[in-house]
N, C-alpha and C. Protein backbone atom coordinates (compact mmCIF):
# COMPACT_ATOMS: atom_id res chain seq x y z
N MET A 1 -4.33 -2.80 -13.94
CA MET A 1 -5.15 -1.77 -14.50
C MET A 1 -6.29 -2.04 -13.56
N VAL A 2 -6.75 -0.89 -13.06
CA VAL A 2 -8.06 -0.68 -12.02
C VAL A 2 -9.20 -1.13 -12.94
N LYS A 3 -10.03 -2.16 -12.12
CA LYS A 3 -11.22 -2.70 -12.83
C LYS A 3 -12.48 -1.65 -12.79
N GLU A 4 -13.13 -1.49 -13.65
CA GLU A 4 -14.25 -0.52 -13.64
C GLU A 4 -15.29 -0.81 -12.57
N TYR A 5 -15.19 -2.06 -12.03
CA TYR A 5 -16.10 -2.30 -10.76
C TYR A 5 -16.02 -1.31 -9.48
N LYS A 6 -16.96 -0.93 -9.07
CA LYS A 6 -17.05 0.13 -7.88
C LYS A 6 -17.09 -0.59 -6.71
N TYR A 7 -15.99 -0.75 -5.91
CA TYR A 7 -15.75 -1.26 -4.63
C TYR A 7 -16.64 -0.48 -3.67
N LYS A 8 -17.30 -1.24 -2.90
CA LYS A 8 -18.38 -0.32 -1.80
C LYS A 8 -17.73 -0.49 -0.53
N THR A 9 -16.90 -1.48 -0.33
CA THR A 9 -16.31 -1.63 1.08
C THR A 9 -14.89 -1.94 1.17
N LEU A 10 -14.20 -1.61 2.12
CA LEU A 10 -12.49 -2.14 2.12
C LEU A 10 -12.62 -3.47 2.09
N LYS A 11 -13.50 -4.32 2.74
CA LYS A 11 -13.29 -5.76 2.92
C LYS A 11 -13.32 -6.43 1.48
N GLU A 12 -14.23 -5.81 0.76
CA GLU A 12 -14.43 -6.19 -0.94
C GLU A 12 -13.02 -5.75 -1.66
N PHE A 13 -12.46 -4.40 -1.41
CA PHE A 13 -11.59 -4.12 -2.12
C PHE A 13 -10.08 -4.67 -1.72
N TYR A 14 -9.89 -4.82 -0.67
CA TYR A 14 -8.52 -5.45 -0.35
C TYR A 14 -8.10 -6.70 -0.89
N PRO A 15 -8.80 -7.72 -1.34
CA PRO A 15 -8.26 -8.84 -2.26
C PRO A 15 -7.92 -8.12 -3.68
N TYR A 16 -8.76 -7.29 -4.03
CA TYR A 16 -8.27 -6.86 -5.47
C TYR A 16 -6.92 -6.07 -5.31
N TYR A 17 -6.79 -5.04 -4.28
CA TYR A 17 -5.62 -4.41 -3.78
C TYR A 17 -4.18 -5.39 -3.90
N LEU A 18 -4.44 -6.49 -3.15
CA LEU A 18 -3.41 -7.35 -3.11
C LEU A 18 -3.06 -7.99 -4.48
N THR A 19 -3.96 -8.22 -5.36
CA THR A 19 -3.70 -8.74 -6.60
C THR A 19 -3.03 -7.84 -7.50
N GLU A 20 -2.96 -6.68 -7.25
CA GLU A 20 -2.32 -5.41 -7.87
C GLU A 20 -0.98 -5.60 -7.21
N HIS A 21 -0.54 -6.26 -6.33
CA HIS A 21 0.83 -6.34 -5.71
C HIS A 21 1.52 -7.45 -5.80
N GLN A 22 1.81 -8.10 -6.98
CA GLN A 22 2.02 -9.48 -7.30
C GLN A 22 3.55 -9.61 -7.03
N ASP A 23 4.23 -8.63 -7.39
CA ASP A 23 5.79 -8.56 -7.54
C ASP A 23 6.18 -8.30 -6.05
N ALA A 24 7.23 -9.05 -5.56
CA ALA A 24 7.68 -9.13 -4.30
C ALA A 24 8.52 -7.93 -3.98
N VAL A 25 9.18 -7.37 -4.98
CA VAL A 25 9.97 -6.28 -4.86
C VAL A 25 8.92 -4.95 -4.60
N SER A 26 7.87 -4.85 -5.30
CA SER A 26 6.97 -3.96 -5.21
C SER A 26 6.43 -3.86 -3.82
N ARG A 27 5.82 -5.16 -3.30
CA ARG A 27 5.45 -5.10 -1.85
C ARG A 27 6.39 -4.56 -0.83
N ALA A 28 7.79 -5.02 -1.01
CA ALA A 28 8.98 -4.66 -0.33
C ALA A 28 9.01 -2.99 -0.19
N LEU A 29 8.87 -2.41 -1.38
CA LEU A 29 9.06 -0.93 -1.62
C LEU A 29 7.76 -0.45 -0.78
N HIS A 30 6.60 -1.13 -0.98
CA HIS A 30 5.28 -0.47 -0.14
C HIS A 30 5.87 -0.44 1.24
N PHE A 31 6.23 -1.57 1.75
CA PHE A 31 6.71 -1.85 3.17
C PHE A 31 7.65 -0.64 3.40
N ILE A 32 8.63 -0.52 2.78
CA ILE A 32 9.56 0.41 3.18
C ILE A 32 8.92 1.84 3.32
N GLY A 33 8.20 2.15 2.29
CA GLY A 33 7.49 3.52 2.08
C GLY A 33 6.39 3.67 3.26
N THR A 34 5.88 2.67 3.81
CA THR A 34 4.92 2.93 4.93
C THR A 34 5.52 2.82 6.08
N GLY A 35 6.57 2.03 6.40
CA GLY A 35 7.37 2.20 7.27
C GLY A 35 8.27 3.38 7.64
N GLY A 36 8.79 4.16 6.40
CA GLY A 36 9.30 5.30 6.63
C GLY A 36 8.25 6.41 6.86
N PHE A 37 7.05 6.33 6.34
CA PHE A 37 6.19 7.42 6.63
C PHE A 37 5.77 7.24 8.20
N LEU A 38 5.59 6.16 8.74
CA LEU A 38 5.24 5.79 10.25
C LEU A 38 6.44 6.44 10.92
N PHE A 39 7.71 6.15 10.63
CA PHE A 39 8.83 7.03 11.32
C PHE A 39 8.79 8.30 11.22
N ILE A 40 8.63 8.86 10.06
CA ILE A 40 8.47 10.37 9.90
C ILE A 40 7.56 11.19 10.73
N VAL A 41 6.19 10.31 10.72
CA VAL A 41 5.12 11.09 11.44
C VAL A 41 5.52 10.95 12.96
N SER A 42 6.22 9.88 13.39
CA SER A 42 6.27 9.80 14.72
C SER A 42 7.44 10.57 15.21
N TYR A 43 8.48 10.87 14.30
CA TYR A 43 9.66 11.47 14.69
C TYR A 43 9.19 13.11 14.75
N ALA A 44 8.49 13.54 13.76
CA ALA A 44 7.98 14.78 13.90
C ALA A 44 6.98 15.13 14.99
N ILE A 45 6.14 14.19 15.38
CA ILE A 45 5.41 14.47 16.55
C ILE A 45 6.24 14.59 17.82
N ILE A 46 7.23 13.57 18.02
CA ILE A 46 8.03 13.34 19.26
C ILE A 46 8.89 14.80 19.35
N THR A 47 9.61 15.15 18.29
CA THR A 47 10.51 16.26 18.47
C THR A 47 9.94 17.52 18.05
N GLN A 48 8.28 17.59 17.68
CA GLN A 48 7.75 18.82 17.22
C GLN A 48 8.43 19.45 15.93
N THR A 49 8.94 18.76 15.22
CA THR A 49 9.63 19.26 13.90
C THR A 49 8.46 18.90 13.13
N TRP A 50 7.62 19.92 12.97
CA TRP A 50 6.33 19.86 12.05
C TRP A 50 6.62 19.80 10.70
N TRP A 51 7.70 20.73 10.13
CA TRP A 51 7.82 20.80 8.61
C TRP A 51 8.24 19.22 8.11
N MET A 52 8.72 18.26 9.04
CA MET A 52 8.85 16.96 8.49
C MET A 52 7.66 16.21 8.17
N LEU A 53 6.64 16.69 8.60
CA LEU A 53 5.23 16.17 8.20
C LEU A 53 5.01 16.25 6.46
N LEU A 54 5.74 17.29 5.93
CA LEU A 54 5.54 17.34 4.49
C LEU A 54 6.36 16.11 3.75
N LEU A 55 7.35 15.52 4.35
CA LEU A 55 8.28 14.39 3.61
C LEU A 55 7.39 13.00 3.90
N SER A 56 6.44 12.95 4.70
CA SER A 56 5.82 11.67 5.11
C SER A 56 5.14 11.20 3.64
N PRO A 57 4.19 11.92 2.97
CA PRO A 57 3.53 11.32 1.70
C PRO A 57 4.61 11.23 0.67
N VAL A 58 5.45 12.08 0.55
CA VAL A 58 6.67 11.72 -0.45
C VAL A 58 7.21 10.46 -0.15
N CYS A 59 7.54 9.97 1.10
CA CYS A 59 8.26 8.68 1.42
C CYS A 59 7.19 7.76 0.98
N GLY A 60 6.07 7.70 1.67
CA GLY A 60 5.13 6.72 1.46
C GLY A 60 4.63 6.42 0.02
N TYR A 61 4.22 7.35 -0.70
CA TYR A 61 3.71 7.46 -2.11
C TYR A 61 5.12 7.06 -2.97
N GLY A 62 6.23 7.73 -2.78
CA GLY A 62 7.17 7.54 -3.70
C GLY A 62 7.78 6.18 -3.74
N PHE A 63 7.91 5.49 -2.67
CA PHE A 63 8.35 4.09 -2.68
C PHE A 63 7.23 3.35 -3.49
N ALA A 64 6.00 3.48 -3.08
CA ALA A 64 4.94 2.73 -3.60
C ALA A 64 4.74 2.75 -5.17
N TRP A 65 4.97 4.17 -5.81
CA TRP A 65 4.55 4.52 -7.05
C TRP A 65 6.01 3.76 -7.80
N VAL A 66 7.05 3.82 -7.40
CA VAL A 66 8.31 3.25 -7.94
C VAL A 66 7.91 1.54 -8.18
N GLY A 67 7.27 1.07 -7.05
CA GLY A 67 6.81 -0.34 -7.12
C GLY A 67 5.75 -0.56 -8.24
N HIS A 68 4.98 0.32 -8.51
CA HIS A 68 3.89 0.08 -9.25
C HIS A 68 4.44 0.49 -10.87
N PHE A 69 5.17 1.52 -10.85
CA PHE A 69 5.50 1.84 -12.33
C PHE A 69 6.69 1.14 -12.72
N VAL A 70 7.59 0.81 -11.92
CA VAL A 70 8.86 0.04 -12.35
C VAL A 70 8.52 -1.40 -12.43
N PHE A 71 8.17 -1.87 -11.35
CA PHE A 71 7.93 -3.43 -11.05
C PHE A 71 6.62 -4.05 -11.59
N GLU A 72 5.48 -3.53 -11.04
CA GLU A 72 4.26 -4.15 -11.39
C GLU A 72 3.79 -3.72 -12.84
N LYS A 73 4.37 -2.51 -13.29
CA LYS A 73 3.90 -2.03 -14.63
C LYS A 73 2.31 -1.78 -14.62
N ASN A 74 1.67 -1.37 -13.54
CA ASN A 74 0.43 -1.13 -13.33
C ASN A 74 0.06 0.37 -12.77
N LYS A 75 -1.17 0.68 -12.96
CA LYS A 75 -1.35 2.15 -12.33
C LYS A 75 -1.70 1.91 -10.97
N PRO A 76 -1.37 2.80 -10.11
CA PRO A 76 -1.58 2.72 -8.54
C PRO A 76 -3.45 2.82 -8.52
N ALA A 77 -3.95 1.82 -7.41
CA ALA A 77 -5.25 1.94 -7.40
C ALA A 77 -5.73 3.35 -6.65
N THR A 78 -4.63 3.90 -5.83
CA THR A 78 -4.79 5.09 -5.10
C THR A 78 -5.42 6.30 -6.07
N PHE A 79 -5.19 6.15 -7.32
CA PHE A 79 -5.78 7.29 -8.47
C PHE A 79 -7.23 7.29 -8.34
N VAL A 80 -7.77 5.88 -8.26
CA VAL A 80 -9.17 5.77 -8.33
C VAL A 80 -9.94 5.64 -6.81
N TYR A 81 -9.24 4.88 -6.10
CA TYR A 81 -9.73 4.64 -4.65
C TYR A 81 -8.82 4.99 -3.47
N PRO A 82 -8.62 6.31 -3.25
CA PRO A 82 -7.70 6.80 -2.49
C PRO A 82 -7.69 6.24 -1.16
N ALA A 83 -8.88 6.59 -0.37
CA ALA A 83 -9.11 6.13 0.95
C ALA A 83 -9.01 4.61 0.97
N TYR A 84 -9.50 3.80 0.27
CA TYR A 84 -9.35 2.13 0.25
C TYR A 84 -7.87 1.86 0.14
N SER A 85 -7.33 2.47 -0.93
CA SER A 85 -5.91 2.13 -1.13
C SER A 85 -5.05 2.42 0.16
N LEU A 86 -5.10 3.49 0.70
CA LEU A 86 -4.46 4.08 1.74
C LEU A 86 -4.46 2.94 3.01
N ALA A 87 -5.97 2.89 3.25
CA ALA A 87 -6.28 1.85 4.32
C ALA A 87 -5.55 0.41 4.05
N SER A 88 -5.86 0.08 2.65
CA SER A 88 -5.09 -1.27 2.16
C SER A 88 -3.44 -1.45 2.46
N ASP A 89 -2.97 -0.19 2.33
CA ASP A 89 -1.46 -0.30 2.34
C ASP A 89 -1.11 -0.58 3.81
N PHE A 90 -1.84 0.00 4.64
CA PHE A 90 -1.51 -0.35 6.08
C PHE A 90 -1.89 -1.61 6.58
N ILE A 91 -3.15 -2.23 6.00
CA ILE A 91 -3.37 -3.62 6.03
C ILE A 91 -2.10 -4.47 5.79
N MET A 92 -1.75 -4.08 4.46
CA MET A 92 -0.80 -5.01 3.75
C MET A 92 0.49 -5.06 4.40
N PHE A 93 0.73 -3.58 5.01
CA PHE A 93 2.12 -3.46 5.89
C PHE A 93 1.94 -4.48 7.07
N TYR A 94 0.69 -4.45 7.73
CA TYR A 94 0.62 -5.38 8.91
C TYR A 94 0.81 -6.93 8.50
N HIS A 95 0.02 -7.28 7.40
CA HIS A 95 0.38 -8.64 7.05
C HIS A 95 1.53 -9.08 6.59
N ILE A 96 2.43 -8.03 6.17
CA ILE A 96 3.85 -8.43 5.76
C ILE A 96 4.77 -8.57 7.10
N LEU A 97 4.38 -7.49 8.15
CA LEU A 97 5.26 -7.50 9.21
C LEU A 97 4.76 -8.78 10.02
N THR A 98 3.50 -9.34 9.94
CA THR A 98 3.15 -10.47 10.88
C THR A 98 3.35 -11.88 9.97
N LEU A 99 4.09 -11.83 8.78
CA LEU A 99 4.15 -12.95 7.85
C LEU A 99 3.08 -13.65 7.49
N GLN A 100 1.81 -12.84 7.45
CA GLN A 100 0.66 -13.41 6.84
C GLN A 100 0.30 -13.11 5.37
N ILE A 101 1.37 -12.35 4.67
CA ILE A 101 1.14 -12.02 3.40
C ILE A 101 0.91 -12.83 2.20
N GLY A 102 1.75 -14.07 2.48
CA GLY A 102 1.59 -15.17 1.42
C GLY A 102 0.38 -15.87 1.37
N ARG A 103 -0.41 -16.03 2.63
CA ARG A 103 -1.76 -16.76 2.86
C ARG A 103 -2.79 -15.66 2.21
N LYS A 104 -2.49 -14.36 2.73
CA LYS A 104 -3.52 -13.31 2.27
C LYS A 104 -3.42 -13.42 0.81
N MET A 105 -2.25 -13.20 0.03
CA MET A 105 -2.25 -13.24 -1.29
C MET A 105 -2.94 -14.36 -1.83
N ALA A 106 -2.67 -15.48 -1.41
CA ALA A 106 -3.32 -16.56 -2.10
C ALA A 106 -4.89 -16.42 -2.08
N GLU A 107 -5.34 -16.21 -0.81
CA GLU A 107 -6.90 -15.97 -0.80
C GLU A 107 -7.22 -15.05 -1.53
N ALA A 108 -6.63 -13.93 -1.83
CA ALA A 108 -7.09 -12.77 -2.41
C ALA A 108 -7.08 -13.35 -4.30
N LYS A 109 -6.17 -14.14 -4.31
CA LYS A 109 -6.22 -14.60 -5.96
C LYS A 109 -7.52 -15.47 -6.15
N GLN A 110 -7.99 -16.28 -4.97
CA GLN A 110 -8.99 -16.97 -5.12
C GLN A 110 -10.30 -16.34 -5.11
N ILE A 111 -10.22 -15.29 -4.48
CA ILE A 111 -11.53 -14.30 -4.57
C ILE A 111 -11.79 -13.69 -6.05
N ILE A 112 -10.49 -12.96 -6.38
CA ILE A 112 -10.72 -12.27 -7.61
C ILE A 112 -10.77 -13.17 -8.71
N ASN A 113 -10.14 -14.30 -8.69
CA ASN A 113 -10.27 -15.29 -10.04
C ASN A 113 -11.59 -16.08 -9.86
């Protein structure tokens, strides 16, 4: 559940974002969705197949929302903090890709608790 607290910076929001992604399957779905989003946007630009851009948010949000509703059993923070959530998703994607996610998750738990 999204806390009532009003986050004022991305740096302040990101630890909270991570704590809303405790389930490894949910994080994997976010990773797949973000990777698919990046692939679709890149492909659309390279091939100038502009209609494919319509698929990019479906891919990105589709996988993420399955992660939240099925595995996390929580409401996506994007409904309350759309810009911070989008930015945090790309940061989390990078942390998963660079194998830093375990450390970042532990740090987030300390900050939030």
